[in-house]
């Protein structure tokens, strides 16, 4: 590298966010339901079953933040 010439560092995607969300083929962001960690003994079986799956992230503000954190993967996000 020549003296005096500095390169900008590459932007990196946040790997923790990639583990927590899923980007579908059509570009939707799917995330795990909240309040599904523990203390579920008092829940009905149907409620537990509904909370088990993924739900779509619809909040525009959150999607904007996710796009900035997923620099390399955000091209397919709508």
PDB file of N, CA and C in Angstrom:
ATOM      1  N   UNK A   1       0.844  -1.178   0.000  1.00  0.00           N
ATOM      2  CA  UNK A   1       0.000   0.000   0.000  1.00  0.00           C
ATOM      3  C   UNK A   1       0.887   1.238   0.000  1.00  0.00           C
ATOM      4  N   UNK A   2       0.466   2.229  -0.781  1.00  0.00           N
ATOM      5  CA  UNK A   2       1.268   3.445  -0.872  1.00  0.00           C
ATOM      6  C   UNK A   2       1.162   4.269   0.400  1.00  0.00           C
ATOM      7  N   UNK A   3       2.180   5.044   0.618  1.00  0.00           N
ATOM      8  CA  UNK A   3       2.220   5.899   1.803  1.00  0.00           C
ATOM      9  C   UNK A   3       1.184   7.015   1.676  1.00  0.00           C
ATOM     10  N   UNK A   4       0.402   7.251   2.715  1.00  0.00           N
ATOM     11  CA  UNK A   4      -0.544   8.346   2.723  1.00  0.00           C
ATOM     12  C   UNK A   4      -1.919   8.022   2.157  1.00  0.00           C
ATOM     13  N   UNK A   5      -2.091   6.841   1.563  1.00  0.00           N
ATOM     14  CA  UNK A   5      -3.394   6.471   1.008  1.00  0.00           C
ATOM     15  C   UNK A   5      -4.066   5.498   1.971  1.00  0.00           C
ATOM     16  N   UNK A   6      -5.210   5.911   2.490  1.00  0.00           N
ATOM     17  CA  UNK A   6      -5.944   5.058   3.429  1.00  0.00           C
ATOM     18  C   UNK A   6      -7.204   4.534   2.771  1.00  0.00           C
ATOM     19  N   UNK A   7      -7.489   3.269   2.989  1.00  0.00           N
ATOM     20  CA  UNK A   7      -8.712   2.677   2.481  1.00  0.00           C
ATOM     21  C   UNK A   7      -9.765   2.690   3.571  1.00  0.00           C
ATOM     22  N   UNK A   8     -11.010   2.878   3.154  1.00  0.00           N
ATOM     23  CA  UNK A   8     -12.120   2.795   4.104  1.00  0.00           C
ATOM     24  C   UNK A   8     -12.356   1.323   4.442  1.00  0.00           C
ATOM     25  N   UNK A   9     -12.649   1.030   5.693  1.00  0.00           N
ATOM     26  CA  UNK A   9     -12.926  -0.370   6.032  1.00  0.00           C
ATOM     27  C   UNK A   9     -14.247  -0.821   5.419  1.00  0.00           C
ATOM     28  N   UNK A  10     -14.357  -2.109   5.159  1.00  0.00           N
ATOM     29  CA  UNK A  10     -15.581  -2.654   4.582  1.00  0.00           C
ATOM     30  C   UNK A  10     -16.694  -2.637   5.618  1.00  0.00           C
ATOM     31  N   UNK A  11     -17.901  -2.397   5.147  1.00  0.00           N
ATOM     32  CA  UNK A  11     -19.057  -2.478   6.028  1.00  0.00           C
ATOM     33  C   UNK A  11     -19.384  -3.951   6.239  1.00  0.00           C
ATOM     34  N   UNK A  12     -19.668  -4.327   7.463  1.00  0.00           N
ATOM     35  CA  UNK A  12     -19.955  -5.725   7.775  1.00  0.00           C
ATOM     36  C   UNK A  12     -21.397  -5.859   8.257  1.00  0.00           C
ATOM     37  N   UNK A  13     -22.031  -6.954   7.866  1.00  0.00           N
ATOM     38  CA  UNK A  13     -23.384  -7.243   8.337  1.00  0.00           C
ATOM     39  C   UNK A  13     -23.316  -7.716   9.780  1.00  0.00           C
ATOM     40  N   UNK A  14     -24.366  -7.395  10.544  1.00  0.00           N
ATOM     41  CA  UNK A  14     -24.447  -7.844  11.927  1.00  0.00           C
ATOM     42  C   UNK A  14     -24.906  -9.298  11.943  1.00  0.00           C
ATOM     43  N   UNK A  15     -24.017 -10.181  12.328  1.00  0.00           N
ATOM     44  CA  UNK A  15     -24.308 -11.612  12.293  1.00  0.00           C
ATOM     45  C   UNK A  15     -25.374 -12.004  13.314  1.00  0.00           C
ATOM     46  N   UNK A  16     -25.460 -11.282  14.434  1.00  0.00           N
ATOM     47  CA  UNK A  16     -26.467 -11.624  15.432  1.00  0.00           C
ATOM     48  C   UNK A  16     -27.869 -11.382  14.896  1.00  0.00           C
ATOM     49  N   UNK A  17     -28.027 -10.332  14.092  1.00  0.00           N
ATOM     50  CA  UNK A  17     -29.338 -10.059  13.509  1.00  0.00           C
ATOM     51  C   UNK A  17     -29.691 -11.097  12.452  1.00  0.00           C
ATOM     52  N   UNK A  18     -28.712 -11.562  11.703  1.00  0.00           N
ATOM     53  CA  UNK A  18     -28.966 -12.594  10.699  1.00  0.00           C
ATOM     54  C   UNK A  18     -29.441 -13.886  11.343  1.00  0.00           C
ATOM     55  N   UNK A  19     -29.001 -14.145  12.582  1.00  0.00           N
ATOM     56  CA  UNK A  19     -29.432 -15.351  13.280  1.00  0.00           C
ATOM     57  C   UNK A  19     -30.857 -15.219  13.812  1.00  0.00           C
ATOM     58  N   UNK A  20     -31.322 -13.989  14.026  1.00  0.00           N
ATOM     59  CA  UNK A  20     -32.620 -13.767  14.652  1.00  0.00           C
ATOM     60  C   UNK A  20     -33.760 -13.542  13.669  1.00  0.00           C
ATOM     61  N   UNK A  21     -33.446 -13.172  12.425  1.00  0.00           N
ATOM     62  CA  UNK A  21     -34.502 -12.951  11.441  1.00  0.00           C
ATOM     63  C   UNK A  21     -34.253 -13.812  10.215  1.00  0.00           C
ATOM     64  N   UNK A  22     -35.285 -13.923   9.378  1.00  0.00           N
ATOM     65  CA  UNK A  22     -35.172 -14.667   8.134  1.00  0.00           C
ATOM     66  C   UNK A  22     -35.685 -13.773   7.019  1.00  0.00           C
ATOM     67  N   UNK A  23     -34.969 -13.708   5.906  1.00  0.00           N
ATOM     68  CA  UNK A  23     -35.392 -12.935   4.757  1.00  0.00           C
ATOM     69  C   UNK A  23     -35.991 -13.917   3.751  1.00  0.00           C
ATOM     70  N   UNK A  24     -37.268 -13.714   3.403  1.00  0.00           N
ATOM     71  CA  UNK A  24     -37.925 -14.619   2.482  1.00  0.00           C
ATOM     72  C   UNK A  24     -37.497 -14.318   1.051  1.00  0.00           C
ATOM     73  N   UNK A  25     -37.903 -15.165   0.138  1.00  0.00           N
ATOM     74  CA  UNK A  25     -37.535 -14.996  -1.262  1.00  0.00           C
ATOM     75  C   UNK A  25     -38.146 -13.722  -1.848  1.00  0.00           C
ATOM     76  N   UNK A  26     -39.326 -13.362  -1.376  1.00  0.00           N
ATOM     77  CA  UNK A  26     -39.981 -12.155  -1.881  1.00  0.00           C
ATOM     78  C   UNK A  26     -39.495 -10.886  -1.185  1.00  0.00           C
ATOM     79  N   UNK A  27     -38.612 -11.026  -0.183  1.00  0.00           N
ATOM     80  CA  UNK A  27     -38.020  -9.867   0.469  1.00  0.00           C
ATOM     81  C   UNK A  27     -38.656  -9.458   1.779  1.00  0.00           C
ATOM     82  N   UNK A  28     -39.546 -10.278   2.321  1.00  0.00           N
ATOM     83  CA  UNK A  28     -40.152  -9.958   3.610  1.00  0.00           C
ATOM     84  C   UNK A  28     -39.216 -10.373   4.733  1.00  0.00           C
ATOM     85  N   UNK A  29     -39.302  -9.652   5.840  1.00  0.00           N
ATOM     86  CA  UNK A  29     -38.529  -9.993   7.031  1.00  0.00           C
ATOM     87  C   UNK A  29     -39.422 -10.767   7.989  1.00  0.00           C
ATOM     88  N   UNK A  30     -39.002 -11.960   8.370  1.00  0.00           N
ATOM     89  CA  UNK A  30     -39.747 -12.773   9.315  1.00  0.00           C
ATOM     90  C   UNK A  30     -38.946 -12.838  10.613  1.00  0.00           C
ATOM     91  N   UNK A  31     -39.646 -12.670  11.745  1.00  0.00           N
ATOM     92  CA  UNK A  31     -38.975 -12.716  13.037  1.00  0.00           C
ATOM     93  C   UNK A  31     -39.763 -13.596  13.982  1.00  0.00           C
ATOM     94  N   UNK A  32     -39.103 -13.985  15.058  1.00  0.00           N
ATOM     95  CA  UNK A  32     -39.734 -14.829  16.062  1.00  0.00           C
ATOM     96  C   UNK A  32     -40.697 -13.996  16.899  1.00  0.00           C
ATOM     97  N   UNK A  33     -41.758 -14.604  17.365  1.00  0.00           N
ATOM     98  CA  UNK A  33     -42.729 -13.919  18.196  1.00  0.00           C
ATOM     99  C   UNK A  33     -42.112 -13.530  19.532  1.00  0.00           C
ATOM    100  N   UNK A  34     -42.592 -12.428  20.101  1.00  0.00           N
ATOM    101  CA  UNK A  34     -42.102 -11.995  21.403  1.00  0.00           C
ATOM    102  C   UNK A  34     -42.851 -12.747  22.500  1.00  0.00           C
ATOM    103  N   UNK A  35     -42.340 -12.680  23.712  1.00  0.00           N
ATOM    104  CA  UNK A  35     -42.920 -13.325  24.893  1.00  0.00           C
ATOM    105  C   UNK A  35     -43.078 -14.821  24.721  1.00  0.00           C
ATOM    106  N   UNK A  36     -42.111 -15.465  24.097  1.00  0.00           N
ATOM    107  CA  UNK A  36     -42.218 -16.911  23.919  1.00  0.00           C
ATOM    108  C   UNK A  36     -41.000 -17.619  24.512  1.00  0.00           C
ATOM    109  N   UNK A  37     -40.421 -17.046  25.553  1.00  0.00           N
ATOM    110  CA  UNK A  37     -39.219 -17.623  26.133  1.00  0.00           C
ATOM    111  C   UNK A  37     -39.482 -18.666  27.204  1.00  0.00           C
ATOM    112  N   UNK A  38     -40.175 -18.281  28.260  1.00  0.00           N
ATOM    113  CA  UNK A  38     -40.404 -19.208  29.359  1.00  0.00           C
ATOM    114  C   UNK A  38     -41.697 -18.816  30.062  1.00  0.00           C
ATOM    115  N   UNK A  39     -42.042 -19.519  31.163  1.00  0.00           N
ATOM    116  CA  UNK A  39     -43.274 -19.313  31.924  1.00  0.00           C
ATOM    117  C   UNK A  39     -44.508 -19.537  31.056  1.00  0.00           C
ATOM    118  N   UNK A  40     -44.534 -20.654  30.345  1.00  0.00           N
ATOM    119  CA  UNK A  40     -45.644 -20.944  29.454  1.00  0.00           C
ATOM    120  C   UNK A  40     -46.556 -22.049  29.989  1.00  0.00           C
ATOM    121  N   UNK A  41     -46.382 -22.415  31.218  1.00  0.00           N
ATOM    122  CA  UNK A  41     -47.185 -23.503  31.779  1.00  0.00           C
ATOM    123  C   UNK A  41     -48.661 -23.125  31.805  1.00  0.00           C
ATOM    124  N   UNK A  42     -48.940 -21.858  32.054  1.00  0.00           N
ATOM    125  CA  UNK A  42     -50.335 -21.424  32.169  1.00  0.00           C
ATOM    126  C   UNK A  42     -50.995 -21.170  30.811  1.00  0.00           C
ATOM    127  N   UNK A  43     -50.238 -21.218  29.718  1.00  0.00           N
ATOM    128  CA  UNK A  43     -50.799 -20.987  28.379  1.00  0.00           C
ATOM    129  C   UNK A  43     -51.547 -22.222  27.885  1.00  0.00           C
ATOM    130  N   UNK A  44     -52.546 -21.976  27.054  1.00  0.00           N
ATOM    131  CA  UNK A  44     -53.239 -23.089  26.407  1.00  0.00           C
ATOM    132  C   UNK A  44     -52.350 -23.650  25.299  1.00  0.00           C
ATOM    133  N   UNK A  45     -52.681 -24.851  24.852  1.00  0.00           N
ATOM    134  CA  UNK A  45     -51.889 -25.496  23.808  1.00  0.00           C
ATOM    135  C   UNK A  45     -51.959 -24.708  22.502  1.00  0.00           C
ATOM    136  N   UNK A  46     -53.125 -24.154  22.216  1.00  0.00           N
ATOM    137  CA  UNK A  46     -53.286 -23.377  20.986  1.00  0.00           C
ATOM    138  C   UNK A  46     -52.444 -22.111  20.987  1.00  0.00           C
ATOM    139  N   UNK A  47     -52.379 -21.450  22.133  1.00  0.00           N
ATOM    140  CA  UNK A  47     -51.584 -20.226  22.237  1.00  0.00           C
ATOM    141  C   UNK A  47     -50.107 -20.530  22.047  1.00  0.00           C
ATOM    142  N   UNK A  48     -49.644 -21.625  22.645  1.00  0.00           N
ATOM    143  CA  UNK A  48     -48.241 -22.029  22.480  1.00  0.00           C
ATOM    144  C   UNK A  48     -47.932 -22.343  21.026  1.00  0.00           C
ATOM    145  N   UNK A  49     -48.860 -23.011  20.357  1.00  0.00           N
ATOM    146  CA  UNK A  49     -48.674 -23.393  18.965  1.00  0.00           C
ATOM    147  C   UNK A  49     -48.606 -22.157  18.066  1.00  0.00           C
ATOM    148  N   UNK A  50     -49.451 -21.171  18.345  1.00  0.00           N
ATOM    149  CA  UNK A  50     -49.456 -19.947  17.530  1.00  0.00           C
ATOM    150  C   UNK A  50     -48.178 -19.142  17.711  1.00  0.00           C
ATOM    151  N   UNK A  51     -47.649 -19.118  18.916  1.00  0.00           N
ATOM    152  CA  UNK A  51     -46.438 -18.348  19.200  1.00  0.00           C
ATOM    153  C   UNK A  51     -45.168 -19.012  18.674  1.00  0.00           C
ATOM    154  N   UNK A  52     -45.256 -20.295  18.334  1.00  0.00           N
ATOM    155  CA  UNK A  52     -44.066 -21.050  17.949  1.00  0.00           C
ATOM    156  C   UNK A  52     -43.472 -20.589  16.619  1.00  0.00           C
ATOM    157  N   UNK A  53     -44.313 -20.186  15.683  1.00  0.00           N
ATOM    158  CA  UNK A  53     -43.848 -19.877  14.336  1.00  0.00           C
ATOM    159  C   UNK A  53     -43.257 -18.482  14.200  1.00  0.00           C
ATOM    160  N   UNK A  54     -42.980 -18.115  12.968  1.00  0.00           N
ATOM    161  CA  UNK A  54     -42.442 -16.799  12.659  1.00  0.00           C
ATOM    162  C   UNK A  54     -43.569 -15.873  12.241  1.00  0.00           C
ATOM    163  N   UNK A  55     -43.371 -14.564  12.473  1.00  0.00           N
ATOM    164  CA  UNK A  55     -44.339 -13.582  12.013  1.00  0.00           C
ATOM    165  C   UNK A  55     -43.615 -12.504  11.216  1.00  0.00           C
ATOM    166  N   UNK A  56     -44.357 -11.843  10.343  1.00  0.00           N
ATOM    167  CA  UNK A  56     -43.752 -10.847   9.465  1.00  0.00           C
ATOM    168  C   UNK A  56     -43.470  -9.561  10.233  1.00  0.00           C
ATOM    169  N   UNK A  57     -42.333  -8.959   9.946  1.00  0.00           N
ATOM    170  CA  UNK A  57     -41.983  -7.665  10.534  1.00  0.00           C
ATOM    171  C   UNK A  57     -42.619  -6.587   9.673  1.00  0.00           C
ATOM    172  N   UNK A  58     -43.582  -5.834  10.229  1.00  0.00           N
ATOM    173  CA  UNK A  58     -44.302  -4.848   9.434  1.00  0.00           C
ATOM    174  C   UNK A  58     -43.942  -3.410   9.789  1.00  0.00           C
ATOM    175  N   UNK A  59     -43.270  -3.197  10.902  1.00  0.00           N
ATOM    176  CA  UNK A  59     -42.925  -1.849  11.340  1.00  0.00           C
ATOM    177  C   UNK A  59     -41.884  -1.256  10.400  1.00  0.00           C
ATOM    178  N   UNK A  60     -42.227  -0.162   9.710  1.00  0.00           N
ATOM    179  CA  UNK A  60     -41.332   0.453   8.723  1.00  0.00           C
ATOM    180  C   UNK A  60     -40.034   0.967   9.366  1.00  0.00           C
ATOM    181  N   UNK A  61     -40.127   1.475  10.590  1.00  0.00           N
ATOM    182  CA  UNK A  61     -38.934   1.976  11.273  1.00  0.00           C
ATOM    183  C   UNK A  61     -37.941   0.868  11.570  1.00  0.00           C
ATOM    184  N   UNK A  62     -38.466  -0.283  12.007  1.00  0.00           N
ATOM    185  CA  UNK A  62     -37.596  -1.421  12.300  1.00  0.00           C
ATOM    186  C   UNK A  62     -36.958  -1.960  11.028  1.00  0.00           C
ATOM    187  N   UNK A  63     -37.733  -2.007   9.951  1.00  0.00           N
ATOM    188  CA  UNK A  63     -37.187  -2.505   8.683  1.00  0.00           C
ATOM    189  C   UNK A  63     -36.052  -1.610   8.203  1.00  0.00           C
ATOM    190  N   UNK A  64     -36.196  -0.309   8.382  1.00  0.00           N
ATOM    191  CA  UNK A  64     -35.150   0.643   7.989  1.00  0.00           C
ATOM    192  C   UNK A  64     -33.871   0.407   8.792  1.00  0.00           C
ATOM    193  N   UNK A  65     -34.018   0.153  10.091  1.00  0.00           N
ATOM    194  CA  UNK A  65     -32.858  -0.123  10.944  1.00  0.00           C
ATOM    195  C   UNK A  65     -32.207  -1.441  10.533  1.00  0.00           C
ATOM    196  N   UNK A  66     -33.026  -2.458  10.265  1.00  0.00           N
ATOM    197  CA  UNK A  66     -32.495  -3.758   9.859  1.00  0.00           C
ATOM    198  C   UNK A  66     -31.709  -3.644   8.561  1.00  0.00           C
ATOM    199  N   UNK A  67     -32.200  -2.822   7.618  1.00  0.00           N
ATOM    200  CA  UNK A  67     -31.488  -2.641   6.353  1.00  0.00           C
ATOM    201  C   UNK A  67     -30.105  -2.047   6.577  1.00  0.00           C
ATOM    202  N   UNK A  68     -30.011  -1.093   7.507  1.00  0.00           N
ATOM    203  CA  UNK A  68     -28.707  -0.479   7.769  1.00  0.00           C
ATOM    204  C   UNK A  68     -27.758  -1.458   8.461  1.00  0.00           C
ATOM    205  N   UNK A  69     -28.298  -2.377   9.265  1.00  0.00           N
ATOM    206  CA  UNK A  69     -27.457  -3.348   9.954  1.00  0.00           C
ATOM    207  C   UNK A  69     -27.064  -4.519   9.056  1.00  0.00           C
ATOM    208  N   UNK A  70     -27.897  -4.813   8.067  1.00  0.00           N
ATOM    209  CA  UNK A  70     -27.615  -5.911   7.140  1.00  0.00           C
ATOM    210  C   UNK A  70     -27.104  -5.331   5.829  1.00  0.00           C
ATOM    211  N   UNK A  71     -25.928  -4.745   5.860  1.00  0.00           N
ATOM    212  CA  UNK A  71     -25.401  -3.998   4.722  1.00  0.00           C
ATOM    213  C   UNK A  71     -25.298  -4.864   3.477  1.00  0.00           C
ATOM    214  N   UNK A  72     -24.752  -6.054   3.613  1.00  0.00           N
ATOM    215  CA  UNK A  72     -24.510  -6.894   2.440  1.00  0.00           C
ATOM    216  C   UNK A  72     -25.747  -7.666   2.022  1.00  0.00           C
ATOM    217  N   UNK A  73     -26.679  -7.911   2.937  1.00  0.00           N
ATOM    218  CA  UNK A  73     -27.822  -8.760   2.644  1.00  0.00           C
ATOM    219  C   UNK A  73     -29.084  -7.967   2.335  1.00  0.00           C
ATOM    220  N   UNK A  74     -29.050  -6.623   2.393  1.00  0.00           N
ATOM    221  CA  UNK A  74     -30.279  -5.844   2.321  1.00  0.00           C
ATOM    222  C   UNK A  74     -30.816  -5.639   0.910  1.00  0.00           C
ATOM    223  N   UNK A  75     -30.157  -6.135  -0.098  1.00  0.00           N
ATOM    224  CA  UNK A  75     -30.595  -5.882  -1.462  1.00  0.00           C
ATOM    225  C   UNK A  75     -31.950  -6.509  -1.777  1.00  0.00           C
ATOM    226  N   UNK A  76     -32.276  -7.628  -1.127  1.00  0.00           N
ATOM    227  CA  UNK A  76     -33.534  -8.299  -1.394  1.00  0.00           C
ATOM    228  C   UNK A  76     -34.667  -7.900  -0.476  1.00  0.00           C
ATOM    229  N   UNK A  77     -34.407  -7.024   0.509  1.00  0.00           N
ATOM    230  CA  UNK A  77     -35.423  -6.636   1.489  1.00  0.00           C
ATOM    231  C   UNK A  77     -36.323  -5.564   0.894  1.00  0.00           C
ATOM    232  N   UNK A  78     -37.641  -5.766   1.044  1.00  0.00           N
ATOM    233  CA  UNK A  78     -38.604  -4.769   0.543  1.00  0.00           C
ATOM    234  C   UNK A  78     -39.311  -4.102   1.673  1.00  0.00           C
TER     235      UNK A  78
END
